[in-house]
């Protein structure tokens, strides 16, 4: 628990609403990346201009998140990309406001237009498919503020190659992961697929992608060595 930042306790609070989510992001950034500073977010004029261009009201949670962390690429853009306000767009169906893209543009994340009147609306995602008629928007995370918590944690996995690693999962390693590490109090997502789950240990954050792939980020090289020792196998870094 570095410098008093209790990851489990703060994450449990983070999913309860916007203010708790922003407090988590501030604390997490300070311990895992670098403290948030004035100027790390977009100003109100940029967000107002996005609303005028789109002809839409941006939810309070989206405006607050962009104002807090929107210019911190190390927290929002190491792998996938948070769109800047002037690049937000409505998808071709006219149903979803897209705010994030996967690094090869094979996944989009957005907010249903029908939910924009909510301060902290649910989020959806859509994968790129060969059969375009089969593409559908599906539920992602039920609060936008929680989705930003997920963004910051996920992007941290790709922030420093010397402190990160990944590997394929098998049933034995999943069992070892569940036995040796603490399950994080963050709801599994997405709802209609094998869930993404988070775990943590001493100076270590781990993401289990549907029991098929494991991503790890630590705060020290020693902590990363400890994870590799606890979960032996073919690591890729």
Protein backbone atom coordinates (compact mmCIF):
# COMPACT_ATOMS: atom_id res chain seq x y z
CA UNK A 1 0.00 0.00 0.00
CA UNK A 2 2.39 2.72 -1.23
CA UNK A 3 2.16 6.05 0.57
CA UNK A 4 -1.20 5.13 2.06
CA UNK A 5 -3.02 4.61 -1.27
CA UNK A 6 -5.12 1.53 -0.58
CA UNK A 7 -5.88 0.24 -4.09
CA UNK A 8 -8.63 -2.16 -2.98
CA UNK A 9 -10.45 0.34 -0.77
CA UNK A 10 -10.17 3.20 -3.25
CA UNK A 11 -11.33 1.00 -6.14
CA UNK A 12 -14.34 -0.20 -4.15
CA UNK A 13 -15.32 3.44 -3.65
CA UNK A 14 -14.48 4.43 -7.23
CA UNK A 15 -17.35 2.43 -8.72
CA UNK A 16 -19.89 4.22 -6.52
CA UNK A 17 -19.95 7.44 -8.51
CA UNK A 18 -18.13 10.27 -10.20
CA UNK A 19 -16.42 12.01 -7.30
CA UNK A 20 -15.08 8.72 -5.97
CA UNK A 21 -13.89 7.76 -9.46
CA UNK A 22 -11.99 11.02 -9.88
CA UNK A 23 -10.44 10.61 -6.41
CA UNK A 24 -9.27 7.13 -7.40
CA UNK A 25 -7.75 8.42 -10.64
CA UNK A 26 -5.88 11.18 -8.78
CA UNK A 27 -4.51 8.72 -6.23
CA UNK A 28 -3.69 6.06 -8.80
CA UNK A 29 -1.91 8.55 -11.04
CA UNK A 30 0.20 9.82 -8.16
CA UNK A 31 1.36 6.30 -7.26
CA UNK A 32 1.60 4.60 -10.67
CA UNK A 33 2.39 7.36 -13.18
CA UNK A 34 2.78 10.91 -11.92
CA UNK A 35 0.54 13.33 -10.02
CA UNK A 36 -2.21 15.08 -11.95
CA UNK A 37 -1.44 18.75 -12.40
CA UNK A 38 -3.34 21.82 -13.55
CA UNK A 39 -3.34 21.76 -17.32
CA UNK A 40 -3.57 17.97 -17.58
CA UNK A 41 -7.11 18.28 -18.89
CA UNK A 42 -9.10 20.07 -21.57
CA UNK A 43 -10.59 23.44 -20.71
CA UNK A 44 -14.28 24.29 -20.74
CA UNK A 45 -14.01 26.19 -24.03
CA UNK A 46 -12.81 23.05 -25.85
CA UNK A 47 -15.66 21.02 -24.43
CA UNK A 48 -18.20 23.73 -25.25
CA UNK A 49 -16.88 23.80 -28.82
CA UNK A 50 -17.31 20.03 -29.08
CA UNK A 51 -20.92 20.33 -27.94
CA UNK A 52 -21.60 23.04 -30.49
CA UNK A 53 -19.98 21.06 -33.31
CA UNK A 54 -21.88 17.89 -32.44
CA UNK A 55 -25.13 19.59 -31.54
CA UNK A 56 -25.19 17.47 -28.38
CA UNK A 57 -24.86 17.95 -24.64
CA UNK A 58 -21.88 16.08 -23.22
CA UNK A 59 -22.65 14.25 -19.97
CA UNK A 60 -21.20 15.75 -16.80
CA UNK A 61 -18.97 12.70 -16.28
CA UNK A 62 -17.42 13.07 -19.73
CA UNK A 63 -16.73 16.77 -19.27
CA UNK A 64 -15.25 16.16 -15.82
CA UNK A 65 -13.06 13.30 -17.03
CA UNK A 66 -11.72 15.32 -19.95
CA UNK A 67 -11.05 18.27 -17.65
CA UNK A 68 -9.21 16.02 -15.18
CA UNK A 69 -7.09 13.75 -17.34
CA UNK A 70 -7.86 14.33 -21.00
CA UNK A 71 -4.34 15.52 -21.91
CA UNK A 72 -2.47 12.83 -19.99
CA UNK A 73 -1.63 10.42 -22.78
CA UNK A 74 0.35 8.27 -20.33
CA UNK A 75 -2.93 7.56 -18.54
CA UNK A 76 -5.29 7.45 -21.52
CA UNK A 77 -3.32 6.63 -24.67
CA UNK A 78 -0.49 4.13 -24.25
CA UNK A 79 -2.37 1.40 -26.13
CA UNK A 80 -5.86 2.56 -27.07
CA UNK A 81 -6.81 6.17 -27.60
CA UNK A 82 -9.11 8.60 -25.86
CA UNK A 83 -10.38 10.93 -28.57
CA UNK A 84 -9.80 14.64 -28.00
CA UNK A 85 -12.95 16.75 -27.81
CA UNK A 86 -12.59 17.97 -31.39
CA UNK A 87 -12.53 14.34 -32.63
CA UNK A 88 -15.57 13.01 -30.79
CA UNK A 89 -18.05 11.67 -33.31
CA UNK A 90 -21.46 10.05 -33.66
CA UNK A 91 -21.28 6.63 -35.29
CA UNK A 92 -22.84 5.94 -38.67
CA UNK A 93 -25.98 4.49 -37.07
CA UNK A 94 -26.65 7.80 -35.33
CA UNK A 95 -27.00 5.92 -32.04
CA UNK A 96 -23.69 6.33 -30.18
CA UNK A 97 -21.23 9.10 -29.32
CA UNK A 98 -17.77 7.55 -29.71
CA UNK A 99 -15.06 8.71 -27.27
CA UNK A 100 -12.36 6.02 -27.53
CA UNK A 101 -10.74 3.86 -30.21
CA UNK A 102 -8.66 0.69 -30.04
CA UNK A 103 -5.14 1.23 -31.36
CA UNK A 104 -5.89 -0.49 -34.69
CA UNK A 105 -9.44 0.89 -34.81
CA UNK A 106 -10.97 -2.57 -34.42
CA UNK A 107 -12.96 -1.58 -31.30
CA UNK A 108 -14.90 1.58 -30.52
CA UNK A 109 -16.23 2.69 -27.15
CA UNK A 110 -19.10 5.10 -26.78
CA UNK A 111 -22.17 6.42 -25.02
CA UNK A 112 -25.67 5.81 -26.39
CA UNK A 113 -27.20 9.10 -27.50
CA UNK A 114 -30.37 8.09 -25.70
CA UNK A 115 -28.40 8.18 -22.42
CA UNK A 116 -26.65 11.53 -22.88
CA UNK A 117 -29.08 13.27 -20.56
CA UNK A 118 -27.71 11.26 -17.63
CA UNK A 119 -24.79 12.73 -15.67
CA UNK A 120 -22.95 9.39 -15.54
CA UNK A 121 -24.38 7.24 -18.34
CA UNK A 122 -23.62 3.63 -19.22
CA UNK A 123 -21.09 2.85 -21.92
CA UNK A 124 -21.09 0.50 -24.91
CA UNK A 125 -18.52 -1.00 -27.26
CA UNK A 126 -18.44 -2.43 -30.77
CA UNK A 127 -15.88 -4.64 -32.48
CA UNK A 128 -14.98 -4.48 -36.15
CA UNK A 129 -16.25 -7.59 -37.96
CA UNK A 130 -15.89 -8.89 -41.51
CA UNK A 131 -19.65 -9.13 -41.69
CA UNK A 132 -20.61 -5.51 -41.11
CA UNK A 133 -24.27 -6.41 -40.73
CA UNK A 134 -23.33 -8.50 -37.69
CA UNK A 135 -21.71 -5.59 -35.86
CA UNK A 136 -23.65 -4.51 -32.79
CA UNK A 137 -23.15 -2.10 -29.93
CA UNK A 138 -23.05 -4.07 -26.69
CA UNK A 139 -22.94 -3.04 -23.00
CA UNK A 140 -19.45 -2.27 -21.67
CA UNK A 141 -19.39 -0.66 -18.19
CA UNK A 142 -22.48 0.72 -16.48
CA UNK A 143 -21.01 4.10 -15.47
CA UNK A 144 -18.88 6.37 -17.63
CA UNK A 145 -16.88 7.37 -14.56
CA UNK A 146 -16.09 3.69 -13.94
CA UNK A 147 -15.10 3.34 -17.59
CA UNK A 148 -12.50 6.06 -17.06
CA UNK A 149 -11.20 4.23 -14.00
CA UNK A 150 -10.84 1.20 -16.27
CA UNK A 151 -9.08 3.28 -18.93
CA UNK A 152 -6.48 4.57 -16.49
CA UNK A 153 -5.80 1.11 -15.07
CA UNK A 154 -5.69 -0.55 -18.49
CA UNK A 155 -3.42 2.05 -20.03
CA UNK A 156 -1.03 1.69 -17.10
CA UNK A 157 -0.41 -1.89 -18.24
CA UNK A 158 1.36 -0.49 -21.31
CA UNK A 159 3.14 2.45 -19.72
CA UNK A 160 6.56 0.96 -19.01
CA UNK A 161 7.91 -2.12 -20.75
CA UNK A 162 10.41 -2.73 -17.94
CA UNK A 163 7.57 -2.95 -15.43
CA UNK A 164 5.00 -4.84 -17.51
CA UNK A 165 4.54 -8.27 -19.00
CA UNK A 166 1.85 -10.53 -20.42
CA UNK A 167 1.17 -14.17 -21.12
CA UNK A 168 -1.44 -16.66 -22.23
CA UNK A 169 -3.59 -18.16 -19.51
CA UNK A 170 -4.42 -21.81 -18.96
CA UNK A 171 -6.69 -23.35 -16.29
CA UNK A 172 -3.80 -24.06 -13.91
CA UNK A 173 -2.51 -20.50 -14.12
CA UNK A 174 -6.01 -19.09 -13.65
CA UNK A 175 -6.32 -21.19 -10.50
CA UNK A 176 -2.94 -19.93 -9.27
CA UNK A 177 -3.90 -16.34 -10.07
CA UNK A 178 -7.12 -16.67 -8.06
CA UNK A 179 -5.30 -18.31 -5.15
CA UNK A 180 -2.29 -16.01 -4.93
CA UNK A 181 -3.74 -12.60 -5.78
CA UNK A 182 -6.60 -10.52 -4.44
CA UNK A 183 -9.67 -10.13 -6.62
CA UNK A 184 -10.22 -6.43 -7.23
CA UNK A 185 -13.62 -4.93 -6.34
CA UNK A 186 -14.42 -3.89 -9.90
CA UNK A 187 -17.40 -5.44 -11.71
CA UNK A 188 -16.51 -7.91 -14.47
CA UNK A 189 -17.15 -6.63 -17.99
CA UNK A 190 -18.42 -6.89 -20.68
CA UNK A 191 -21.62 -8.59 -19.61
CA UNK A 192 -22.17 -10.80 -22.66
CA UNK A 193 -18.64 -12.24 -22.97
CA UNK A 194 -16.11 -13.97 -20.68
CA UNK A 195 -15.47 -11.21 -18.18
CA UNK A 196 -12.37 -9.08 -17.81
CA UNK A 197 -11.29 -9.31 -14.17
CA UNK A 198 -8.73 -7.37 -12.13
CA UNK A 199 -6.43 -8.65 -9.40
CA UNK A 200 -3.71 -7.07 -7.33
CA UNK A 201 -0.82 -8.05 -5.11
CA UNK A 202 2.19 -6.29 -3.53
CA UNK A 203 3.04 -3.47 -5.95
CA UNK A 204 1.30 -5.39 -8.74
CA UNK A 205 -1.82 -4.88 -10.85
CA UNK A 206 -3.07 -7.75 -13.02
CA UNK A 207 -5.82 -7.93 -15.68
CA UNK A 208 -7.31 -11.28 -16.66
CA UNK A 209 -8.94 -11.01 -20.08
CA UNK A 210 -11.66 -13.65 -20.05
CA UNK A 211 -9.37 -16.30 -18.54
CA UNK A 212 -7.43 -16.35 -21.80
CA UNK A 213 -4.72 -13.68 -21.43
CA UNK A 214 -3.01 -11.99 -18.50
CA UNK A 215 -1.53 -8.49 -18.41
CA UNK A 216 0.62 -7.31 -15.51
CA UNK A 217 2.03 -3.96 -14.42
CA UNK A 218 4.13 -3.49 -11.30
CA UNK A 219 5.71 -0.56 -9.52
CA UNK A 220 9.16 -2.14 -9.22
CA UNK A 221 11.24 -4.67 -11.17
CA UNK A 222 11.32 -6.88 -8.08
CA UNK A 223 7.53 -6.99 -7.97
CA UNK A 224 7.42 -8.07 -11.61
CA UNK A 225 9.92 -10.85 -10.92
CA UNK A 226 7.72 -11.96 -8.03
CA UNK A 227 4.66 -12.21 -10.30
CA UNK A 228 6.59 -14.25 -12.87
CA UNK A 229 7.80 -16.56 -10.12
CA UNK A 230 4.30 -16.94 -8.65
CA UNK A 231 2.79 -17.66 -12.07
CA UNK A 232 5.51 -19.57 -13.95
CA UNK A 233 5.17 -20.04 -17.69
CA UNK A 234 5.96 -18.34 -20.98
CA UNK A 235 6.00 -14.61 -20.39
CA UNK A 236 6.38 -12.39 -23.44
CA UNK A 237 8.35 -9.34 -22.29
